[in-house]
Amino acid sequence: MLRRVVFNEHTIAKRVGELGAEITDSYRDGDLLVLGLLKGSVIFFSDVVRTIERPLQIDFLIASSYGSGTESSGVVRLVYDPDTKLEDRHVLVVEDIVDSGRTLARLLGVLRQGRPRSLAVCALLHKRLPTALQEPVRFVGFDAPHEFLVGYGLDHAEDFRHLPYIGAI
């Protein structure tokens, strides 16, 4: 079912380290809260937060728009909202992949209501499609091909998340 490897383990590890350095340089003062968007970002999230060289706190959110399909359903469900205080904190949302942007647009709208000092997104992959997002993704690991990708946390019907690389199916 896997057609090809798109990003291998070494390439991913190198870029994750670079993203950690970019994030460290961007947040020199204030409280930093890094929110992982489950389940897809869990592996990337774990790796990237360990490369950020400054104090931070973590929490997680669950949002879904895919179900068992390979295309976004367009219906975004927020399953969990964090109880963590956002006001006057830098909030960085870590996402696995940005395609339609509907999930992130809805999520960022909810998070803005908490009045964070700043709000930004770090995405491992960005398909560079027209999105529902009002502002650009601040930190991007890789531009992604317009294929359905799995591995390194990304899944198809909950399969393939465990792969240490990213592949196309």
C-alpha atoms as a PDB file:
ATOM      1  CA  MET A   1       0.000   0.000   0.000  1.00  0.00           C
ATOM      2  CA  LEU A   2       2.945   2.370   0.639  1.00  0.00           C
ATOM      3  CA  ARG A   3       3.998   3.826  -2.731  1.00  0.00           C
ATOM      4  CA  ARG A   4       7.157   5.690  -1.723  1.00  0.00           C
ATOM      5  CA  VAL A   5       9.102   7.283   1.115  1.00  0.00           C
ATOM      6  CA  VAL A   6       8.696  11.061   0.919  1.00  0.00           C
ATOM      7  CA  PHE A   7      10.851  12.131   3.904  1.00  0.00           C
ATOM      8  CA  ASN A   8      13.258   9.672   5.548  1.00  0.00           C
ATOM      9  CA  GLU A   9      14.206   9.532   9.251  1.00  0.00           C
ATOM     10  CA  HIS A  10      17.446  11.511   8.859  1.00  0.00           C
ATOM     11  CA  THR A  11      15.795  14.315   6.882  1.00  0.00           C
ATOM     12  CA  ILE A  12      12.994  14.602   9.441  1.00  0.00           C
ATOM     13  CA  ALA A  13      15.378  14.626  12.435  1.00  0.00           C
ATOM     14  CA  LYS A  14      17.543  17.323  10.866  1.00  0.00           C
ATOM     15  CA  ARG A  15      14.576  19.575  10.102  1.00  0.00           C
ATOM     16  CA  VAL A  16      13.007  19.059  13.546  1.00  0.00           C
ATOM     17  CA  GLY A  17      16.256  20.284  15.125  1.00  0.00           C
ATOM     18  CA  GLU A  18      16.212  23.354  12.884  1.00  0.00           C
ATOM     19  CA  LEU A  19      12.602  24.082  13.846  1.00  0.00           C
ATOM     20  CA  GLY A  20      13.485  23.817  17.536  1.00  0.00           C
ATOM     21  CA  ALA A  21      16.241  26.398  17.040  1.00  0.00           C
ATOM     22  CA  GLU A  22      13.864  28.724  15.142  1.00  0.00           C
ATOM     23  CA  ILE A  23      11.263  28.451  17.890  1.00  0.00           C
ATOM     24  CA  THR A  24      13.876  29.045  20.614  1.00  0.00           C
ATOM     25  CA  ASP A  25      15.064  32.197  18.823  1.00  0.00           C
ATOM     26  CA  SER A  26      11.500  33.453  18.353  1.00  0.00           C
ATOM     27  CA  TYR A  27      10.426  33.220  21.998  1.00  0.00           C
ATOM     28  CA  ARG A  28      13.066  34.873  24.167  1.00  0.00           C
ATOM     29  CA  ASP A  29      10.728  36.171  26.905  1.00  0.00           C
ATOM     30  CA  GLY A  30       7.411  35.373  28.509  1.00  0.00           C
ATOM     31  CA  ASP A  31       5.657  32.104  29.240  1.00  0.00           C
ATOM     32  CA  LEU A  32       5.571  29.622  26.343  1.00  0.00           C
ATOM     33  CA  LEU A  33       2.794  27.037  26.150  1.00  0.00           C
ATOM     34  CA  VAL A  34       3.133  24.432  23.409  1.00  0.00           C
ATOM     35  CA  LEU A  35      -0.132  22.710  22.499  1.00  0.00           C
ATOM     36  CA  GLY A  36      -0.001  19.430  20.588  1.00  0.00           C
ATOM     37  CA  LEU A  37      -2.900  18.625  18.317  1.00  0.00           C
ATOM     38  CA  LEU A  38      -3.597  14.928  18.853  1.00  0.00           C
ATOM     39  CA  LYS A  39      -3.254  12.346  17.588  1.00  0.00           C
ATOM     40  CA  GLY A  40      -1.295  13.140  14.449  1.00  0.00           C
ATOM     41  CA  SER A  41       1.264  15.494  15.952  1.00  0.00           C
ATOM     42  CA  VAL A  42       2.265  13.301  18.907  1.00  0.00           C
ATOM     43  CA  ILE A  43       5.573  12.003  17.515  1.00  0.00           C
ATOM     44  CA  PHE A  44       6.577  15.317  15.912  1.00  0.00           C
ATOM     45  CA  PHE A  45       5.456  17.190  19.048  1.00  0.00           C
ATOM     46  CA  SER A  46       7.576  14.967  21.300  1.00  0.00           C
ATOM     47  CA  ASP A  47      10.630  15.431  19.134  1.00  0.00           C
ATOM     48  CA  VAL A  48      10.304  19.180  18.555  1.00  0.00           C
ATOM     49  CA  VAL A  49       9.663  20.199  22.192  1.00  0.00           C
ATOM     50  CA  ARG A  50      12.882  18.418  23.192  1.00  0.00           C
ATOM     51  CA  THR A  51      14.826  20.660  20.783  1.00  0.00           C
ATOM     52  CA  ILE A  52      13.419  23.935  22.148  1.00  0.00           C
ATOM     53  CA  GLU A  53      16.051  25.388  24.458  1.00  0.00           C
ATOM     54  CA  ARG A  54      13.982  27.480  26.854  1.00  0.00           C
ATOM     55  CA  PRO A  55      11.425  26.838  29.600  1.00  0.00           C
ATOM     56  CA  LEU A  56       7.995  25.823  28.341  1.00  0.00           C
ATOM     57  CA  GLN A  57       4.837  24.025  29.336  1.00  0.00           C
ATOM     58  CA  ILE A  58       2.881  21.515  27.264  1.00  0.00           C
ATOM     59  CA  ASP A  59      -0.739  20.489  26.848  1.00  0.00           C
ATOM     60  CA  PHE A  60      -2.785  18.684  24.219  1.00  0.00           C
ATOM     61  CA  LEU A  61      -5.933  19.184  22.160  1.00  0.00           C
ATOM     62  CA  ILE A  62      -7.957  16.734  20.093  1.00  0.00           C
ATOM     63  CA  ALA A  63      -9.633  17.856  16.887  1.00  0.00           C
ATOM     64  CA  SER A  64     -10.851  15.733  14.016  1.00  0.00           C
ATOM     65  CA  SER A  65     -12.014  16.291  10.450  1.00  0.00           C
ATOM     66  CA  TYR A  66     -10.990  13.077   8.655  1.00  0.00           C
ATOM     67  CA  GLY A  67     -12.619  10.040  10.263  1.00  0.00           C
ATOM     68  CA  SER A  68     -11.505   7.009   8.241  1.00  0.00           C
ATOM     69  CA  GLY A  69     -11.303   8.756   4.857  1.00  0.00           C
ATOM     70  CA  THR A  70      -8.388  10.235   2.949  1.00  0.00           C
ATOM     71  CA  GLU A  71      -9.978  13.662   2.471  1.00  0.00           C
ATOM     72  CA  SER A  72     -11.113  16.147   5.088  1.00  0.00           C
ATOM     73  CA  SER A  73     -14.832  15.847   5.766  1.00  0.00           C
ATOM     74  CA  GLY A  74     -15.075  19.596   6.285  1.00  0.00           C
ATOM     75  CA  VAL A  75     -16.716  19.026   9.667  1.00  0.00           C
ATOM     76  CA  VAL A  76     -14.319  19.869  12.492  1.00  0.00           C
ATOM     77  CA  ARG A  77     -14.915  18.385  15.920  1.00  0.00           C
ATOM     78  CA  LEU A  78     -13.036  19.704  18.955  1.00  0.00           C
ATOM     79  CA  VAL A  79     -13.054  16.859  21.417  1.00  0.00           C
ATOM     80  CA  TYR A  80     -11.002  18.463  24.189  1.00  0.00           C
ATOM     81  CA  ASP A  81     -10.312  22.042  25.177  1.00  0.00           C
ATOM     82  CA  PRO A  82      -7.414  22.551  27.577  1.00  0.00           C
ATOM     83  CA  ASP A  83      -8.060  23.906  31.034  1.00  0.00           C
ATOM     84  CA  THR A  84      -4.677  25.587  30.865  1.00  0.00           C
ATOM     85  CA  LYS A  85      -4.762  29.379  31.207  1.00  0.00           C
ATOM     86  CA  LEU A  86      -3.809  31.077  27.911  1.00  0.00           C
ATOM     87  CA  GLU A  87      -4.038  34.737  28.867  1.00  0.00           C
ATOM     88  CA  ASP A  88      -0.804  36.724  28.336  1.00  0.00           C
ATOM     89  CA  ARG A  89       1.159  33.600  27.314  1.00  0.00           C
ATOM     90  CA  HIS A  90       2.847  32.765  24.054  1.00  0.00           C
ATOM     91  CA  VAL A  91       0.859  29.837  22.648  1.00  0.00           C
ATOM     92  CA  LEU A  92       2.345  27.623  19.949  1.00  0.00           C
ATOM     93  CA  VAL A  93       0.089  24.991  18.372  1.00  0.00           C
ATOM     94  CA  VAL A  94       1.955  21.993  16.954  1.00  0.00           C
ATOM     95  CA  GLU A  95       0.174  20.302  14.043  1.00  0.00           C
ATOM     96  CA  ASP A  96       1.163  17.376  11.843  1.00  0.00           C
ATOM     97  CA  ILE A  97      -0.113  18.629   8.469  1.00  0.00           C
ATOM     98  CA  VAL A  98      -1.924  21.664   7.084  1.00  0.00           C
ATOM     99  CA  ASP A  99      -4.099  21.079   4.051  1.00  0.00           C
ATOM    100  CA  SER A 100      -7.590  22.670   4.061  1.00  0.00           C
ATOM    101  CA  GLY A 101      -6.816  24.681   7.213  1.00  0.00           C
ATOM    102  CA  ARG A 102     -10.393  24.268   8.517  1.00  0.00           C
ATOM    103  CA  THR A 103      -9.332  22.432  11.658  1.00  0.00           C
ATOM    104  CA  LEU A 104      -6.682  25.005  12.522  1.00  0.00           C
ATOM    105  CA  ALA A 105      -8.894  27.989  11.677  1.00  0.00           C
ATOM    106  CA  ARG A 106     -11.579  26.770  14.071  1.00  0.00           C
ATOM    107  CA  LEU A 107      -9.066  25.854  16.748  1.00  0.00           C
ATOM    108  CA  LEU A 108      -7.224  29.192  16.549  1.00  0.00           C
ATOM    109  CA  GLY A 109     -10.540  31.040  16.852  1.00  0.00           C
ATOM    110  CA  VAL A 110     -11.266  29.173  20.079  1.00  0.00           C
ATOM    111  CA  LEU A 111      -7.755  29.752  21.438  1.00  0.00           C
ATOM    112  CA  ARG A 112      -7.854  33.504  20.669  1.00  0.00           C
ATOM    113  CA  GLN A 113     -10.780  33.786  23.083  1.00  0.00           C
ATOM    114  CA  GLY A 114      -8.287  32.966  25.851  1.00  0.00           C
ATOM    115  CA  ARG A 115      -6.396  36.204  25.042  1.00  0.00           C
ATOM    116  CA  PRO A 116      -2.885  34.797  24.587  1.00  0.00           C
ATOM    117  CA  ARG A 117       0.057  37.200  24.286  1.00  0.00           C
ATOM    118  CA  SER A 118       0.785  35.585  20.898  1.00  0.00           C
ATOM    119  CA  LEU A 119      -0.626  32.660  18.970  1.00  0.00           C
ATOM    120  CA  ALA A 120       1.271  30.774  16.260  1.00  0.00           C
ATOM    121  CA  VAL A 121       1.341  27.407  14.499  1.00  0.00           C
ATOM    122  CA  CYS A 122       4.200  25.002  13.910  1.00  0.00           C
ATOM    123  CA  ALA A 123       3.336  22.370  11.288  1.00  0.00           C
ATOM    124  CA  LEU A 124       5.532  19.486  10.239  1.00  0.00           C
ATOM    125  CA  LEU A 125       3.978  19.504   6.768  1.00  0.00           C
ATOM    126  CA  HIS A 126       2.157  22.130   4.697  1.00  0.00           C
ATOM    127  CA  LYS A 127       0.441  21.245   1.429  1.00  0.00           C
ATOM    128  CA  ARG A 128       0.300  24.908   0.344  1.00  0.00           C
ATOM    129  CA  LEU A 129      -3.319  24.618  -0.748  1.00  0.00           C
ATOM    130  CA  PRO A 130      -5.730  27.526  -0.414  1.00  0.00           C
ATOM    131  CA  THR A 131      -6.715  27.410   3.241  1.00  0.00           C
ATOM    132  CA  ALA A 132      -9.274  28.794   5.647  1.00  0.00           C
ATOM    133  CA  LEU A 133      -6.441  30.262   7.749  1.00  0.00           C
ATOM    134  CA  GLN A 134      -6.357  34.028   8.179  1.00  0.00           C
ATOM    135  CA  GLU A 135      -2.623  34.165   8.878  1.00  0.00           C
ATOM    136  CA  PRO A 136       0.309  32.087   7.610  1.00  0.00           C
ATOM    137  CA  VAL A 137       1.695  29.105   9.495  1.00  0.00           C
ATOM    138  CA  ARG A 138       4.734  30.553  11.297  1.00  0.00           C
ATOM    139  CA  PHE A 139       6.956  27.458  11.454  1.00  0.00           C
ATOM    140  CA  VAL A 140       6.859  24.837   8.684  1.00  0.00           C
ATOM    141  CA  GLY A 141       8.949  21.691   8.523  1.00  0.00           C
ATOM    142  CA  PHE A 142       8.394  20.731   4.896  1.00  0.00           C
ATOM    143  CA  ASP A 143       6.222  21.615   1.946  1.00  0.00           C
ATOM    144  CA  ALA A 144       4.224  18.448   1.332  1.00  0.00           C
ATOM    145  CA  PRO A 145       3.286  16.880  -1.979  1.00  0.00           C
ATOM    146  CA  HIS A 146      -0.415  16.680  -2.811  1.00  0.00           C
ATOM    147  CA  GLU A 147      -0.601  13.016  -1.853  1.00  0.00           C
ATOM    148  CA  PHE A 148      -2.051  11.220   1.154  1.00  0.00           C
ATOM    149  CA  LEU A 149       0.856  10.899   3.595  1.00  0.00           C
ATOM    150  CA  VAL A 150       1.344   8.503   6.499  1.00  0.00           C
ATOM    151  CA  GLY A 151       4.008   7.797   9.096  1.00  0.00           C
ATOM    152  CA  TYR A 152       5.739   9.801  11.820  1.00  0.00           C
ATOM    153  CA  GLY A 153       2.336  10.277  13.471  1.00  0.00           C
ATOM    154  CA  LEU A 154       0.195  10.661  10.356  1.00  0.00           C
ATOM    155  CA  ASP A 155      -2.316   7.901   9.778  1.00  0.00           C
ATOM    156  CA  HIS A 156      -4.844   6.341   7.486  1.00  0.00           C
ATOM    157  CA  ALA A 157      -7.746   4.975   9.563  1.00  0.00           C
ATOM    158  CA  GLU A 158      -5.389   4.869  12.595  1.00  0.00           C
ATOM    159  CA  ASP A 159      -2.752   2.762  10.783  1.00  0.00           C
ATOM    160  CA  PHE A 160       0.845   3.738   9.877  1.00  0.00           C
ATOM    161  CA  ARG A 161       1.425   6.302  12.692  1.00  0.00           C
ATOM    162  CA  HIS A 162       4.358   4.257  14.016  1.00  0.00           C
ATOM    163  CA  LEU A 163       6.505   4.496  10.873  1.00  0.00           C
ATOM    164  CA  PRO A 164       9.747   6.439  11.522  1.00  0.00           C
ATOM    165  CA  TYR A 165       9.515   8.130   8.097  1.00  0.00           C
ATOM    166  CA  ILE A 166       6.773   9.783   6.032  1.00  0.00           C
ATOM    167  CA  GLY A 167       5.463   7.930   3.018  1.00  0.00           C
ATOM    168  CA  ALA A 168       2.742   8.292   0.391  1.00  0.00           C
ATOM    169  CA  ILE A 169      -0.031   5.719   0.016  1.00  0.00           C
END
